[in-house]
Amino acid sequence: MMQMYSQTHTLTALHVNRFGRLKLSALLYFAQAAAEGHCLDLSLGWEELHKQNLFWAVVRHKVQISRLPLIGETVTVKTWPMPTTRTAYPRACAGYDAKGNELFRCISLWVLMDCNTRAMVLPGKSGVQVEGMLTGNELAPPASLAPQPYVTQAMRRVNFSDLDRNGHMNNTKYLDWVEDLLSSDFHQNHLPKELTVCYLNEAKEGQNVALHYALQDGPCLRTEGTAMAEGTDENPPRIFAAQVLF
C-alpha cells in the first residue's frame, strides 16, 4: 500500500504575517513542498518528468483550517495521493502541530501538462501511474467557482519573483494577492476557516492581472483574476478564482 510522506517545518518570519500567524501562501507552499518531495521519492519529480516533456500543475485547492500556527511553532505536513481519476491526480494533505493536533487539511487536484504545447495530458495517455490510497478522512474534491459580477477592482503585475520553474506564476503567490485585498484591521479580527482556489490559465511574467473582488456576508471574500491585454476588445481570460471563508 502507498505510504504517506511527511515533512516538518519550523515557522520563521518568512512564513507568517504581521500578526505572527501562518500566511495562506505559506500553508499552500508547505502542501506543495510535501507533494514535490513525495514525487521525488516516487521518481516523478520535476527533473524526471521534464525528460518526458511533462510537468505537474495544480488546478484546484481546497483547505479547511482548524488553527493557524504561530511563529516558532513546528508544523508536520503529511501527504498522500488519492486514486487517480480520468483527468487528474488528486492528493490529500494534513498539517499537525507538535502535540499532534490537526491544524489544517486540504485536497488538491494535479494534472500533467505538456512542456511545449502547455496542454493537459490525460493520465491514461501520460504513461504516469500513481498508486492512490484513501484513509476515509479526505476532503471532497473542490467544485469550480463560477464567474460573478464585481464592482471593486485592484491591479497586480506578475514579476520575476512570482515565477516558478515552469515559467509561470507559482500557485502559492495568488494567496498573497488575495490577502492583500483586505486591511490589517480586518485580518487581525478575522481568521480564515476555509479556502478554495481554482487555477484556470497561466499567468506569465510581465502580465497585468485585474483582481475583481467582493467581501460578502459570512464574511466571505470572493476574488477573480483576469488577464489584461492592451489594444484588444476581446474578453480577457480568467486566470484564477478564489474564495476565502472567515
Protein backbone atom coordinates (compact mmCIF):
# COMPACT_ATOMS: atom_id res chain seq x y z
CA MET A 1 0.00 0.00 0.00
CA MET A 2 1.13 3.51 -0.73
CA GLN A 3 2.79 5.13 2.28
CA MET A 4 2.27 8.68 3.48
CA TYR A 5 5.06 11.18 3.09
CA SER A 6 5.83 13.79 5.74
CA GLN A 7 7.90 16.94 6.21
CA THR A 8 8.38 19.11 9.29
CA HIS A 9 8.85 22.89 9.20
CA THR A 10 9.61 25.43 11.89
CA LEU A 11 7.78 28.68 11.25
CA THR A 12 10.06 31.68 10.75
CA ALA A 13 9.39 35.29 9.82
CA LEU A 14 9.25 34.20 6.16
CA HIS A 15 6.15 32.09 6.82
CA VAL A 16 3.97 34.41 8.90
CA ASN A 17 2.05 37.66 8.55
CA ARG A 18 2.41 40.80 10.67
CA PHE A 19 0.47 39.11 13.49
CA GLY A 20 2.81 36.11 13.57
CA ARG A 21 0.26 33.71 12.06
CA LEU A 22 0.97 31.33 9.20
CA LYS A 23 0.23 33.02 5.86
CA LEU A 24 -2.14 31.25 3.50
CA SER A 25 0.52 31.30 0.80
CA ALA A 26 2.97 29.58 3.17
CA LEU A 27 0.33 26.97 4.04
CA LEU A 28 -0.04 26.14 0.35
CA TYR A 29 3.74 26.19 -0.01
CA PHE A 30 4.06 23.53 2.70
CA ALA A 31 1.46 21.40 0.95
CA GLN A 32 3.21 21.88 -2.39
CA ALA A 33 6.66 21.16 -0.96
CA ALA A 34 5.41 17.91 0.57
CA ALA A 35 3.84 16.87 -2.73
CA GLU A 36 7.07 17.66 -4.58
CA GLY A 37 9.12 15.72 -2.02
CA HIS A 38 6.84 12.71 -2.34
CA CYS A 39 7.03 12.85 -6.13
CA LEU A 40 10.83 12.81 -5.90
CA ASP A 41 10.61 9.64 -3.80
CA LEU A 42 8.33 8.14 -6.46
CA SER A 43 10.76 9.13 -9.27
CA LEU A 44 8.15 11.55 -10.57
CA GLY A 45 9.87 14.81 -9.69
CA TRP A 46 10.43 17.83 -11.93
CA GLU A 47 13.69 16.58 -13.48
CA GLU A 48 12.35 13.10 -14.26
CA LEU A 49 9.11 14.37 -15.80
CA HIS A 50 10.94 17.05 -17.78
CA LYS A 51 12.77 14.27 -19.62
CA GLN A 52 9.32 13.14 -20.79
CA ASN A 53 8.34 16.70 -21.77
CA LEU A 54 5.85 16.85 -18.88
CA PHE A 55 5.39 18.88 -15.72
CA TRP A 56 2.97 18.84 -12.78
CA ALA A 57 0.42 21.64 -12.42
CA VAL A 58 -2.18 22.09 -9.70
CA VAL A 59 -5.61 23.15 -10.95
CA ARG A 60 -7.63 23.32 -7.72
CA HIS A 61 -7.04 23.59 -3.99
CA LYS A 62 -9.44 23.33 -1.08
CA VAL A 63 -8.28 23.84 2.50
CA GLN A 64 -10.07 23.61 5.84
CA ILE A 65 -8.28 25.33 8.73
CA SER A 66 -8.67 24.39 12.38
CA ARG A 67 -5.95 26.74 13.64
CA LEU A 68 -3.24 28.89 12.09
CA PRO A 69 0.06 28.15 13.88
CA LEU A 70 2.30 30.94 15.14
CA ILE A 71 5.92 31.86 14.50
CA GLY A 72 8.30 29.46 16.25
CA GLU A 73 5.91 26.51 16.12
CA THR A 74 6.72 23.32 14.24
CA VAL A 75 4.29 22.00 11.65
CA THR A 76 4.37 18.44 10.36
CA VAL A 77 2.77 18.04 6.95
CA LYS A 78 1.61 14.62 5.78
CA THR A 79 0.54 13.94 2.23
CA TRP A 80 -0.65 11.01 0.16
CA PRO A 81 -2.01 10.50 -3.36
CA MET A 82 -5.63 9.52 -3.75
CA PRO A 83 -6.85 7.21 -6.54
CA THR A 84 -6.26 8.72 -9.97
CA THR A 85 -9.32 9.91 -11.89
CA ARG A 86 -9.80 10.08 -15.65
CA THR A 87 -8.43 13.63 -15.75
CA ALA A 88 -6.41 14.30 -12.59
CA TYR A 89 -4.19 13.04 -9.79
CA PRO A 90 -5.92 14.07 -6.52
CA ARG A 91 -3.69 14.48 -3.48
CA ALA A 92 -4.62 14.84 0.19
CA CYS A 93 -2.60 16.69 2.80
CA ALA A 94 -2.89 17.44 6.52
CA GLY A 95 -0.85 19.60 8.89
CA TYR A 96 -0.29 18.93 12.60
CA ASP A 97 1.27 20.84 15.49
CA ALA A 98 3.93 19.48 17.86
CA LYS A 99 1.23 17.82 20.01
CA GLY A 100 -0.33 16.04 17.06
CA ASN A 101 -3.37 18.30 16.85
CA GLU A 102 -4.66 18.89 13.33
CA LEU A 103 -4.05 22.42 12.07
CA PHE A 104 -5.40 22.09 8.55
CA ARG A 105 -6.32 19.60 5.89
CA CYS A 106 -6.50 20.05 2.15
CA ILE A 107 -7.11 18.37 -1.15
CA SER A 108 -5.51 19.39 -4.42
CA LEU A 109 -6.12 18.30 -7.99
CA TRP A 110 -2.93 17.85 -10.00
CA VAL A 111 -2.63 17.35 -13.75
CA LEU A 112 0.21 16.69 -16.14
CA MET A 113 1.00 19.32 -18.76
CA ASP A 114 2.96 19.14 -21.99
CA CYS A 115 6.02 21.44 -21.69
CA ASN A 116 5.74 22.68 -25.28
CA THR A 117 2.02 22.91 -26.00
CA ARG A 118 1.05 23.72 -22.39
CA ALA A 119 -1.91 21.38 -22.93
CA MET A 120 -3.11 18.90 -20.33
CA VAL A 121 -2.14 15.26 -20.84
CA LEU A 122 -4.72 12.81 -19.50
CA PRO A 123 -3.47 10.16 -17.07
CA GLY A 124 -4.42 7.38 -19.47
CA LYS A 125 -2.15 8.86 -22.15
CA SER A 126 0.70 10.14 -19.99
CA GLY A 127 2.20 6.81 -19.03
CA VAL A 128 2.48 8.11 -15.46
CA GLN A 129 0.89 5.86 -12.87
CA VAL A 130 0.47 6.79 -9.22
CA GLU A 131 -0.87 4.29 -6.69
CA GLY A 132 -3.51 6.03 -4.58
CA MET A 133 -4.96 5.37 -1.16
CA LEU A 134 -7.91 6.51 0.94
CA THR A 135 -7.94 6.98 4.72
CA GLY A 136 -11.60 7.96 4.95
CA ASN A 137 -10.83 11.49 6.19
CA GLU A 138 -10.11 13.17 2.86
CA LEU A 139 -11.96 16.30 1.81
CA ALA A 140 -14.31 16.11 -1.15
CA PRO A 141 -12.78 17.42 -4.39
CA PRO A 142 -13.36 21.17 -4.75
CA ALA A 143 -16.01 22.38 -7.15
CA SER A 144 -15.37 25.10 -9.70
CA LEU A 145 -16.03 28.75 -8.84
CA ALA A 146 -18.42 30.28 -11.36
CA PRO A 147 -17.86 33.85 -12.63
CA GLN A 148 -19.64 36.59 -10.70
CA PRO A 149 -20.22 40.31 -11.28
CA TYR A 150 -17.91 42.52 -9.22
CA VAL A 151 -17.74 46.27 -8.72
CA THR A 152 -14.36 46.54 -6.95
CA GLN A 153 -11.05 46.01 -8.72
CA ALA A 154 -7.33 46.09 -7.96
CA MET A 155 -4.39 45.63 -10.32
CA ARG A 156 -1.33 43.41 -9.91
CA ARG A 157 1.59 42.58 -12.18
CA VAL A 158 3.39 39.25 -12.49
CA ASN A 159 7.05 39.83 -11.65
CA PHE A 160 10.18 37.69 -11.80
CA SER A 161 9.97 36.69 -8.14
CA ASP A 162 6.45 35.31 -8.70
CA LEU A 163 7.61 32.69 -11.22
CA ASP A 164 8.33 29.01 -10.66
CA ARG A 165 10.47 26.60 -12.68
CA ASN A 166 7.69 26.16 -15.23
CA GLY A 167 7.89 29.84 -16.14
CA HIS A 168 4.50 30.92 -14.82
CA MET A 169 3.26 32.43 -11.59
CA ASN A 170 3.50 29.94 -8.76
CA ASN A 171 0.13 28.88 -7.35
CA THR A 172 1.04 29.87 -3.80
CA LYS A 173 1.57 33.52 -4.80
CA TYR A 174 -2.11 34.09 -5.60
CA LEU A 175 -2.96 33.82 -1.90
CA ASP A 176 -0.68 36.79 -1.13
CA TRP A 177 -2.59 38.81 -3.72
CA VAL A 178 -5.90 37.69 -2.22
CA GLU A 179 -4.93 38.51 1.37
CA ASP A 180 -3.61 41.92 0.28
CA LEU A 181 -7.14 42.89 -0.76
CA LEU A 182 -8.10 43.25 2.91
CA SER A 183 -6.61 45.52 5.56
CA SER A 184 -4.57 44.65 8.64
CA ASP A 185 -7.54 45.59 10.82
CA PHE A 186 -9.69 43.01 9.07
CA HIS A 187 -7.05 40.27 9.30
CA GLN A 188 -6.47 40.99 12.98
CA ASN A 189 -10.09 40.26 13.79
CA HIS A 190 -10.98 37.61 11.20
CA LEU A 191 -9.18 34.29 10.78
CA PRO A 192 -9.62 32.18 7.64
CA LYS A 193 -11.54 28.93 8.12
CA GLU A 194 -11.73 27.57 4.60
CA LEU A 195 -10.43 28.45 1.18
CA THR A 196 -10.87 27.26 -2.38
CA VAL A 197 -8.68 28.27 -5.31
CA CYS A 198 -9.20 27.34 -8.95
CA TYR A 199 -6.28 27.90 -11.32
CA LEU A 200 -7.68 28.45 -14.81
CA ASN A 201 -4.88 29.82 -17.01
CA GLU A 202 -1.19 30.55 -16.73
CA ALA A 203 -0.08 33.99 -15.57
CA LYS A 204 3.23 34.88 -17.18
CA GLU A 205 5.97 37.37 -16.44
CA GLY A 206 5.05 40.96 -17.19
CA GLN A 207 1.34 40.22 -17.40
CA ASN A 208 -1.08 42.61 -15.72
CA VAL A 209 -3.89 40.92 -13.82
CA ALA A 210 -7.09 42.64 -12.73
CA LEU A 211 -8.39 41.38 -9.38
CA HIS A 212 -12.16 41.69 -9.16
CA TYR A 213 -13.42 41.07 -5.64
CA ALA A 214 -16.21 41.41 -3.12
CA LEU A 215 -16.43 40.86 0.63
CA GLN A 216 -19.76 39.12 1.13
CA ASP A 217 -21.73 38.05 4.20
CA GLY A 218 -20.03 35.36 6.24
CA PRO A 219 -17.67 37.11 5.85
CA CYS A 220 -16.59 35.55 2.57
CA LEU A 221 -14.05 37.08 0.20
CA ARG A 222 -14.64 36.20 -3.46
CA THR A 223 -11.90 37.06 -5.95
CA GLU A 224 -11.40 36.57 -9.66
CA GLY A 225 -8.26 37.43 -11.60
CA THR A 226 -8.40 38.20 -15.31
CA ALA A 227 -5.54 38.88 -17.70
CA MET A 228 -5.36 42.40 -19.06
CA ALA A 229 -4.35 42.74 -22.71
CA GLU A 230 -3.73 46.16 -24.23
CA GLY A 231 -5.27 47.09 -27.58
CA THR A 232 -7.92 44.38 -27.73
CA ASP A 233 -11.66 44.28 -27.21
CA GLU A 234 -11.75 40.56 -26.54
CA ASN A 235 -13.00 39.26 -23.22
CA PRO A 236 -9.91 38.75 -21.05
CA PRO A 237 -9.33 35.16 -19.91
CA ARG A 238 -9.83 34.24 -16.26
CA ILE A 239 -6.51 33.42 -14.58
CA PHE A 240 -7.83 32.19 -11.25
CA ALA A 241 -10.79 32.35 -8.89
CA ALA A 242 -10.67 32.15 -5.12
CA GLN A 243 -13.00 32.06 -2.15
CA VAL A 244 -11.94 32.53 1.48
CA LEU A 245 -14.40 32.00 4.35
CA PHE A 246 -13.63 33.73 7.65
